[in-house]
Amino acid sequence: MTGLRRSISSKRAEDTDGPSAVSDPRYACQPDTAHFGRWTVFDTLTGLPAASDGRDFIDLGKSDAADIAEALNSYLSEGKDPPLV
């Protein structure tokens, strides 16, 4: 599981005109260490796989994992809670 852990960088100001802050995306995908050639979507705050309806987002194709991570991050950027259980 250590391959899924990633530290979160602190928020940082992006420009000098205002207090604009940028941070790493909450959900990211990376190669699945337990399934060669497959991918996992993980929550960068917890370092654990993201999950929905009791199913971890593991053992996915690369494009599926990227699409799921993008959708989850999109919910957050719109101020909505992602549909995860």
PDB file of N, CA and C in Angstrom:
ATOM      1  N   MET A   1       0.813  -1.191   0.000  1.00  0.00           N
ATOM      2  CA  MET A   1       0.000   0.000   0.000  1.00  0.00           C
ATOM      3  C   MET A   1       0.858   1.257   0.000  1.00  0.00           C
ATOM      4  N   THR A   2       2.142   1.142   0.345  1.00  0.00           N
ATOM      5  CA  THR A   2       2.986   2.321   0.410  1.00  0.00           C
ATOM      6  C   THR A   2       3.132   3.004  -0.937  1.00  0.00           C
ATOM      7  N   GLY A   3       2.970   2.253  -2.036  1.00  0.00           N
ATOM      8  CA  GLY A   3       3.050   2.856  -3.363  1.00  0.00           C
ATOM      9  C   GLY A   3       1.897   3.812  -3.621  1.00  0.00           C
ATOM     10  N   LEU A   4       0.848   3.723  -2.818  1.00  0.00           N
ATOM     11  CA  LEU A   4      -0.301   4.596  -3.013  1.00  0.00           C
ATOM     12  C   LEU A   4      -0.219   5.876  -2.185  1.00  0.00           C
ATOM     13  N   ARG A   5       0.738   5.935  -1.330  1.00  0.00           N
ATOM     14  CA  ARG A   5       0.862   7.106  -0.468  1.00  0.00           C
ATOM     15  C   ARG A   5       1.607   8.224  -1.195  1.00  0.00           C
ATOM     16  N   ARG A   6       1.113   9.418  -1.024  1.00  0.00           N
ATOM     17  CA  ARG A   6       1.761  10.567  -1.625  1.00  0.00           C
ATOM     18  C   ARG A   6       1.500  11.763  -0.736  1.00  0.00           C
ATOM     19  N   SER A   7       2.516  12.532  -0.473  1.00  0.00           N
ATOM     20  CA  SER A   7       2.305  13.688   0.379  1.00  0.00           C
ATOM     21  C   SER A   7       1.627  14.804  -0.402  1.00  0.00           C
ATOM     22  N   ILE A   8       0.915  15.611   0.299  1.00  0.00           N
ATOM     23  CA  ILE A   8       0.190  16.720  -0.296  1.00  0.00           C
ATOM     24  C   ILE A   8       1.016  17.987  -0.110  1.00  0.00           C
ATOM     25  N   SER A   9       1.206  18.702  -1.200  1.00  0.00           N
ATOM     26  CA  SER A   9       1.924  19.967  -1.081  1.00  0.00           C
ATOM     27  C   SER A   9       0.984  21.004  -0.499  1.00  0.00           C
ATOM     28  N   SER A  10       1.528  21.941   0.208  1.00  0.00           N
ATOM     29  CA  SER A  10       0.694  22.980   0.785  1.00  0.00           C
ATOM     30  C   SER A  10       0.251  23.951  -0.300  1.00  0.00           C
ATOM     31  N   LYS A  11      -0.858  24.640  -0.022  1.00  0.00           N
ATOM     32  CA  LYS A  11      -1.358  25.609  -0.992  1.00  0.00           C
ATOM     33  C   LYS A  11      -0.327  26.718  -1.151  1.00  0.00           C
ATOM     34  N   ARG A  12      -0.271  27.270  -2.363  1.00  0.00           N
ATOM     35  CA  ARG A  12       0.697  28.316  -2.630  1.00  0.00           C
ATOM     36  C   ARG A  12       0.056  29.398  -3.488  1.00  0.00           C
ATOM     37  N   ALA A  13       0.473  30.611  -3.295  1.00  0.00           N
ATOM     38  CA  ALA A  13      -0.049  31.712  -4.093  1.00  0.00           C
ATOM     39  C   ALA A  13       0.511  31.602  -5.502  1.00  0.00           C
ATOM     40  N   GLU A  14      -0.346  31.848  -6.493  1.00  0.00           N
ATOM     41  CA  GLU A  14       0.083  31.699  -7.883  1.00  0.00           C
ATOM     42  C   GLU A  14       0.452  33.021  -8.510  1.00  0.00           C
ATOM     43  N   ASP A  15      -0.143  34.111  -8.071  1.00  0.00           N
ATOM     44  CA  ASP A  15       0.186  35.405  -8.646  1.00  0.00           C
ATOM     45  C   ASP A  15       0.297  36.439  -7.545  1.00  0.00           C
ATOM     46  N   THR A  16       0.780  37.616  -7.900  1.00  0.00           N
ATOM     47  CA  THR A  16       0.987  38.662  -6.905  1.00  0.00           C
ATOM     48  C   THR A  16      -0.182  39.623  -6.829  1.00  0.00           C
ATOM     49  N   ASP A  17      -1.175  39.498  -7.720  1.00  0.00           N
ATOM     50  CA  ASP A  17      -2.310  40.410  -7.732  1.00  0.00           C
ATOM     51  C   ASP A  17      -3.374  40.060  -6.690  1.00  0.00           C
ATOM     52  N   GLY A  18      -3.362  38.890  -6.167  1.00  0.00           N
ATOM     53  CA  GLY A  18      -4.392  38.507  -5.216  1.00  0.00           C
ATOM     54  C   GLY A  18      -4.048  37.211  -4.535  1.00  0.00           C
ATOM     55  N   PRO A  19      -4.879  36.780  -3.619  1.00  0.00           N
ATOM     56  CA  PRO A  19      -4.601  35.569  -2.839  1.00  0.00           C
ATOM     57  C   PRO A  19      -5.068  34.302  -3.550  1.00  0.00           C
ATOM     58  N   SER A  20      -4.690  34.134  -4.804  1.00  0.00           N
ATOM     59  CA  SER A  20      -5.071  32.933  -5.545  1.00  0.00           C
ATOM     60  C   SER A  20      -4.230  31.760  -5.061  1.00  0.00           C
ATOM     61  N   ALA A  21      -4.901  30.689  -4.644  1.00  0.00           N
ATOM     62  CA  ALA A  21      -4.185  29.517  -4.139  1.00  0.00           C
ATOM     63  C   ALA A  21      -4.431  28.329  -5.069  1.00  0.00           C
ATOM     64  N   VAL A  22      -3.385  27.533  -5.248  1.00  0.00           N
ATOM     65  CA  VAL A  22      -3.470  26.347  -6.101  1.00  0.00           C
ATOM     66  C   VAL A  22      -2.941  25.170  -5.303  1.00  0.00           C
ATOM     67  N   SER A  23      -3.586  24.030  -5.429  1.00  0.00           N
ATOM     68  CA  SER A  23      -3.089  22.831  -4.759  1.00  0.00           C
ATOM     69  C   SER A  23      -3.152  21.661  -5.721  1.00  0.00           C
ATOM     70  N   ASP A  24      -2.510  20.583  -5.339  1.00  0.00           N
ATOM     71  CA  ASP A  24      -2.556  19.370  -6.154  1.00  0.00           C
ATOM     72  C   ASP A  24      -3.985  18.845  -6.175  1.00  0.00           C
ATOM     73  N   PRO A  25      -4.355  18.135  -7.230  1.00  0.00           N
ATOM     74  CA  PRO A  25      -5.693  17.536  -7.260  1.00  0.00           C
ATOM     75  C   PRO A  25      -5.865  16.537  -6.116  1.00  0.00           C
ATOM     76  N   ARG A  26      -7.068  16.443  -5.593  1.00  0.00           N
ATOM     77  CA  ARG A  26      -7.329  15.512  -4.491  1.00  0.00           C
ATOM     78  C   ARG A  26      -7.266  14.071  -4.966  1.00  0.00           C
ATOM     79  N   TYR A  27      -7.791  13.794  -6.167  1.00  0.00           N
ATOM     80  CA  TYR A  27      -7.808  12.434  -6.691  1.00  0.00           C
ATOM     81  C   TYR A  27      -6.835  12.330  -7.851  1.00  0.00           C
ATOM     82  N   ALA A  28      -6.038  11.275  -7.836  1.00  0.00           N
ATOM     83  CA  ALA A  28      -5.036  11.064  -8.874  1.00  0.00           C
ATOM     84  C   ALA A  28      -4.986   9.578  -9.214  1.00  0.00           C
ATOM     85  N   CYS A  29      -4.399   9.274 -10.347  1.00  0.00           N
ATOM     86  CA  CYS A  29      -4.252   7.863 -10.707  1.00  0.00           C
ATOM     87  C   CYS A  29      -2.768   7.553 -10.874  1.00  0.00           C
ATOM     88  N   GLN A  30      -2.438   6.330 -10.581  1.00  0.00           N
ATOM     89  CA  GLN A  30      -1.065   5.867 -10.742  1.00  0.00           C
ATOM     90  C   GLN A  30      -1.086   4.369 -10.977  1.00  0.00           C
ATOM     91  N   PRO A  31       0.013   3.831 -11.465  1.00  0.00           N
ATOM     92  CA  PRO A  31       0.046   2.380 -11.704  1.00  0.00           C
ATOM     93  C   PRO A  31      -0.307   1.608 -10.433  1.00  0.00           C
ATOM     94  N   ASP A  32      -1.076   0.560 -10.588  1.00  0.00           N
ATOM     95  CA  ASP A  32      -1.505  -0.289  -9.482  1.00  0.00           C
ATOM     96  C   ASP A  32      -0.372  -1.256  -9.159  1.00  0.00           C
ATOM     97  N   THR A  33       0.150  -1.171  -7.944  1.00  0.00           N
ATOM     98  CA  THR A  33       1.299  -2.002  -7.573  1.00  0.00           C
ATOM     99  C   THR A  33       0.937  -3.473  -7.415  1.00  0.00           C
ATOM    100  N   ALA A  34      -0.345  -3.770  -7.239  1.00  0.00           N
ATOM    101  CA  ALA A  34      -0.765  -5.165  -7.063  1.00  0.00           C
ATOM    102  C   ALA A  34      -1.202  -5.820  -8.372  1.00  0.00           C
ATOM    103  N   HIS A  35      -1.452  -5.012  -9.397  1.00  0.00           N
ATOM    104  CA  HIS A  35      -1.944  -5.533 -10.672  1.00  0.00           C
ATOM    105  C   HIS A  35      -1.119  -4.923 -11.808  1.00  0.00           C
ATOM    106  N   PHE A  36      -0.149  -5.657 -12.299  1.00  0.00           N
ATOM    107  CA  PHE A  36       0.748  -5.153 -13.330  1.00  0.00           C
ATOM    108  C   PHE A  36      -0.023  -4.663 -14.552  1.00  0.00           C
ATOM    109  N   GLY A  37       0.309  -3.464 -15.013  1.00  0.00           N
ATOM    110  CA  GLY A  37      -0.323  -2.899 -16.194  1.00  0.00           C
ATOM    111  C   GLY A  37      -1.676  -2.275 -15.945  1.00  0.00           C
ATOM    112  N   ARG A  38      -2.106  -2.249 -14.690  1.00  0.00           N
ATOM    113  CA  ARG A  38      -3.407  -1.683 -14.337  1.00  0.00           C
ATOM    114  C   ARG A  38      -3.195  -0.431 -13.489  1.00  0.00           C
ATOM    115  N   TRP A  39      -4.254   0.312 -13.226  1.00  0.00           N
ATOM    116  CA  TRP A  39      -4.164   1.609 -12.554  1.00  0.00           C
ATOM    117  C   TRP A  39      -5.136   1.697 -11.392  1.00  0.00           C
ATOM    118  N   THR A  40      -4.802   2.579 -10.430  1.00  0.00           N
ATOM    119  CA  THR A  40      -5.624   2.837  -9.259  1.00  0.00           C
ATOM    120  C   THR A  40      -5.913   4.330  -9.174  1.00  0.00           C
ATOM    121  N   VAL A  41      -7.150   4.676  -8.811  1.00  0.00           N
ATOM    122  CA  VAL A  41      -7.491   6.062  -8.488  1.00  0.00           C
ATOM    123  C   VAL A  41      -7.387   6.168  -6.974  1.00  0.00           C
ATOM    124  N   PHE A  42      -6.613   7.142  -6.485  1.00  0.00           N
ATOM    125  CA  PHE A  42      -6.470   7.245  -5.044  1.00  0.00           C
ATOM    126  C   PHE A  42      -6.721   8.657  -4.562  1.00  0.00           C
ATOM    127  N   ASP A  43      -7.083   8.732  -3.302  1.00  0.00           N
ATOM    128  CA  ASP A  43      -7.343   9.988  -2.612  1.00  0.00           C
ATOM    129  C   ASP A  43      -6.012  10.453  -2.036  1.00  0.00           C
ATOM    130  N   THR A  44      -5.514  11.578  -2.512  1.00  0.00           N
ATOM    131  CA  THR A  44      -4.193  12.031  -2.075  1.00  0.00           C
ATOM    132  C   THR A  44      -4.184  12.515  -0.633  1.00  0.00           C
ATOM    133  N   LEU A  45      -5.362  12.791  -0.062  1.00  0.00           N
ATOM    134  CA  LEU A  45      -5.402  13.190   1.354  1.00  0.00           C
ATOM    135  C   LEU A  45      -5.229  12.000   2.281  1.00  0.00           C
ATOM    136  N   THR A  46      -5.789  10.867   1.903  1.00  0.00           N
ATOM    137  CA  THR A  46      -5.704   9.688   2.759  1.00  0.00           C
ATOM    138  C   THR A  46      -4.636   8.704   2.307  1.00  0.00           C
ATOM    139  N   GLY A  47      -4.261   8.773   1.028  1.00  0.00           N
ATOM    140  CA  GLY A  47      -3.305   7.812   0.484  1.00  0.00           C
ATOM    141  C   GLY A  47      -3.943   6.461   0.199  1.00  0.00           C
ATOM    142  N   LEU A  48      -5.278   6.389   0.280  1.00  0.00           N
ATOM    143  CA  LEU A  48      -6.001   5.146   0.045  1.00  0.00           C
ATOM    144  C   LEU A  48      -6.731   5.213  -1.293  1.00  0.00           C
ATOM    145  N   PRO A  49      -7.050   4.052  -1.850  1.00  0.00           N
ATOM    146  CA  PRO A  49      -7.826   4.067  -3.092  1.00  0.00           C
ATOM    147  C   PRO A  49      -9.174   4.751  -2.885  1.00  0.00           C
ATOM    148  N   ALA A  50      -9.597   5.523  -3.875  1.00  0.00           N
ATOM    149  CA  ALA A  50     -10.938   6.089  -3.850  1.00  0.00           C
ATOM    150  C   ALA A  50     -11.921   4.939  -4.034  1.00  0.00           C
ATOM    151  N   ALA A  51     -13.145   5.095  -3.536  1.00  0.00           N
ATOM    152  CA  ALA A  51     -14.130   4.018  -3.619  1.00  0.00           C
ATOM    153  C   ALA A  51     -15.525   4.590  -3.803  1.00  0.00           C
ATOM    154  N   SER A  52     -16.381   3.811  -4.422  1.00  0.00           N
ATOM    155  CA  SER A  52     -17.781   4.157  -4.584  1.00  0.00           C
ATOM    156  C   SER A  52     -18.604   2.879  -4.506  1.00  0.00           C
ATOM    157  N   ASP A  53     -19.715   2.943  -3.804  1.00  0.00           N
ATOM    158  CA  ASP A  53     -20.596   1.781  -3.630  1.00  0.00           C
ATOM    159  C   ASP A  53     -19.834   0.566  -3.102  1.00  0.00           C
ATOM    160  N   GLY A  54     -18.862   0.800  -2.222  1.00  0.00           N
ATOM    161  CA  GLY A  54     -18.102  -0.286  -1.624  1.00  0.00           C
ATOM    162  C   GLY A  54     -17.028  -0.893  -2.513  1.00  0.00           C
ATOM    163  N   ARG A  55     -16.821  -0.327  -3.691  1.00  0.00           N
ATOM    164  CA  ARG A  55     -15.826  -0.863  -4.625  1.00  0.00           C
ATOM    165  C   ARG A  55     -14.667   0.115  -4.764  1.00  0.00           C
ATOM    166  N   ASP A  56     -13.463  -0.340  -4.432  1.00  0.00           N
ATOM    167  CA  ASP A  56     -12.269   0.479  -4.628  1.00  0.00           C
ATOM    168  C   ASP A  56     -12.009   0.661  -6.113  1.00  0.00           C
ATOM    169  N   PHE A  57     -11.545   1.840  -6.491  1.00  0.00           N
ATOM    170  CA  PHE A  57     -11.170   2.098  -7.875  1.00  0.00           C
ATOM    171  C   PHE A  57      -9.746   1.586  -8.111  1.00  0.00           C
ATOM    172  N   ILE A  58      -9.609   0.277  -8.204  1.00  0.00           N
ATOM    173  CA  ILE A  58      -8.327  -0.382  -8.442  1.00  0.00           C
ATOM    174  C   ILE A  58      -8.462  -1.285  -9.661  1.00  0.00           C
ATOM    175  N   ASP A  59      -7.326  -1.745 -10.165  1.00  0.00           N
ATOM    176  CA  ASP A  59      -7.311  -2.709 -11.270  1.00  0.00           C
ATOM    177  C   ASP A  59      -8.072  -2.173 -12.485  1.00  0.00           C
ATOM    178  N   LEU A  60      -7.837  -0.886 -12.804  1.00  0.00           N
ATOM    179  CA  LEU A  60      -8.514  -0.218 -13.907  1.00  0.00           C
ATOM    180  C   LEU A  60      -7.568  -0.022 -15.085  1.00  0.00           C
ATOM    181  N   GLY A  61      -8.142   0.159 -16.264  1.00  0.00           N
ATOM    182  CA  GLY A  61      -7.357   0.590 -17.407  1.00  0.00           C
ATOM    183  C   GLY A  61      -6.921   2.031 -17.182  1.00  0.00           C
ATOM    184  N   LYS A  62      -5.841   2.439 -17.825  1.00  0.00           N
ATOM    185  CA  LYS A  62      -5.289   3.771 -17.612  1.00  0.00           C
ATOM    186  C   LYS A  62      -6.296   4.873 -17.949  1.00  0.00           C
ATOM    187  N   SER A  63      -6.982   4.766 -19.077  1.00  0.00           N
ATOM    188  CA  SER A  63      -7.914   5.829 -19.472  1.00  0.00           C
ATOM    189  C   SER A  63      -9.122   5.876 -18.536  1.00  0.00           C
ATOM    190  N   ASP A  64      -9.597   4.728 -18.069  1.00  0.00           N
ATOM    191  CA  ASP A  64     -10.713   4.713 -17.115  1.00  0.00           C
ATOM    192  C   ASP A  64     -10.305   5.384 -15.806  1.00  0.00           C
ATOM    193  N   ALA A  65      -9.132   5.060 -15.305  1.00  0.00           N
ATOM    194  CA  ALA A  65      -8.653   5.658 -14.057  1.00  0.00           C
ATOM    195  C   ALA A  65      -8.507   7.174 -14.209  1.00  0.00           C
ATOM    196  N   ALA A  66      -7.955   7.614 -15.328  1.00  0.00           N
ATOM    197  CA  ALA A  66      -7.785   9.050 -15.563  1.00  0.00           C
ATOM    198  C   ALA A  66      -9.141   9.748 -15.654  1.00  0.00           C
ATOM    199  N   ASP A  67     -10.101   9.128 -16.322  1.00  0.00           N
ATOM    200  CA  ASP A  67     -11.439   9.716 -16.443  1.00  0.00           C
ATOM    201  C   ASP A  67     -12.127   9.829 -15.087  1.00  0.00           C
ATOM    202  N   ILE A  68     -12.003   8.795 -14.257  1.00  0.00           N
ATOM    203  CA  ILE A  68     -12.626   8.815 -12.932  1.00  0.00           C
ATOM    204  C   ILE A  68     -11.987   9.889 -12.061  1.00  0.00           C
ATOM    205  N   ALA A  69     -10.658   9.962 -12.048  1.00  0.00           N
ATOM    206  CA  ALA A  69      -9.968  10.977 -11.242  1.00  0.00           C
ATOM    207  C   ALA A  69     -10.361  12.381 -11.713  1.00  0.00           C
ATOM    208  N   GLU A  70     -10.435  12.573 -13.017  1.00  0.00           N
ATOM    209  CA  GLU A  70     -10.823  13.876 -13.557  1.00  0.00           C
ATOM    210  C   GLU A  70     -12.251  14.242 -13.135  1.00  0.00           C
ATOM    211  N   ALA A  71     -13.165  13.289 -13.200  1.00  0.00           N
ATOM    212  CA  ALA A  71     -14.550  13.552 -12.811  1.00  0.00           C
ATOM    213  C   ALA A  71     -14.653  13.890 -11.320  1.00  0.00           C
ATOM    214  N   LEU A  72     -13.947  13.150 -10.476  1.00  0.00           N
ATOM    215  CA  LEU A  72     -13.981  13.422  -9.036  1.00  0.00           C
ATOM    216  C   LEU A  72     -13.423  14.799  -8.724  1.00  0.00           C
ATOM    217  N   ASN A  73     -12.308  15.152  -9.360  1.00  0.00           N
ATOM    218  CA  ASN A  73     -11.717  16.477  -9.143  1.00  0.00           C
ATOM    219  C   ASN A  73     -12.614  17.582  -9.679  1.00  0.00           C
ATOM    220  N   SER A  74     -13.348  17.294 -10.751  1.00  0.00           N
ATOM    221  CA  SER A  74     -14.275  18.274 -11.314  1.00  0.00           C
ATOM    222  C   SER A  74     -15.385  18.604 -10.317  1.00  0.00           C
ATOM    223  N   TYR A  75     -15.912  17.580  -9.649  1.00  0.00           N
ATOM    224  CA  TYR A  75     -16.923  17.824  -8.619  1.00  0.00           C
ATOM    225  C   TYR A  75     -16.379  18.784  -7.572  1.00  0.00           C
ATOM    226  N   LEU A  76     -15.160  18.538  -7.113  1.00  0.00           N
ATOM    227  CA  LEU A  76     -14.574  19.376  -6.072  1.00  0.00           C
ATOM    228  C   LEU A  76     -14.353  20.806  -6.560  1.00  0.00           C
ATOM    229  N   SER A  77     -13.888  20.954  -7.796  1.00  0.00           N
ATOM    230  CA  SER A  77     -13.622  22.296  -8.307  1.00  0.00           C
ATOM    231  C   SER A  77     -14.909  23.091  -8.481  1.00  0.00           C
ATOM    232  N   GLU A  78     -16.043  22.407  -8.616  1.00  0.00           N
ATOM    233  CA  GLU A  78     -17.355  23.056  -8.720  1.00  0.00           C
ATOM    234  C   GLU A  78     -17.991  23.257  -7.346  1.00  0.00           C
ATOM    235  N   GLY A  79     -17.277  22.879  -6.291  1.00  0.00           N
ATOM    236  CA  GLY A  79     -17.790  23.041  -4.938  1.00  0.00           C
ATOM    237  C   GLY A  79     -18.793  21.974  -4.528  1.00  0.00           C
ATOM    238  N   LYS A  80     -18.829  20.865  -5.251  1.00  0.00           N
ATOM    239  CA  LYS A  80     -19.750  19.779  -4.950  1.00  0.00           C
ATOM    240  C   LYS A  80     -18.987  18.628  -4.286  1.00  0.00           C
ATOM    241  N   ASP A  81     -19.695  17.841  -3.501  1.00  0.00           N
ATOM    242  CA  ASP A  81     -19.097  16.631  -2.932  1.00  0.00           C
ATOM    243  C   ASP A  81     -19.098  15.546  -3.999  1.00  0.00           C
ATOM    244  N   PRO A  82     -17.961  14.861  -4.195  1.00  0.00           N
ATOM    245  CA  PRO A  82     -17.953  13.745  -5.146  1.00  0.00           C
ATOM    246  C   PRO A  82     -18.869  12.627  -4.669  1.00  0.00           C
ATOM    247  N   PRO A  83     -19.463  11.887  -5.582  1.00  0.00           N
ATOM    248  CA  PRO A  83     -20.401  10.822  -5.202  1.00  0.00           C
ATOM    249  C   PRO A  83     -19.696   9.552  -4.744  1.00  0.00           C
ATOM    250  N   LEU A  84     -18.965   9.638  -3.651  1.00  0.00           N
ATOM    251  CA  LEU A  84     -18.219   8.487  -3.140  1.00  0.00           C
ATOM    252  C   LEU A  84     -18.829   8.025  -1.835  1.00  0.00           C
ATOM    253  N   VAL A  85     -18.733   6.733  -1.595  1.00  0.00           N
ATOM    254  CA  VAL A  85     -19.238   6.142  -0.356  1.00  0.00           C
ATOM    255  C   VAL A  85     -18.076   5.551   0.400  1.00  0.00           C
TER     256      VAL A  85
END
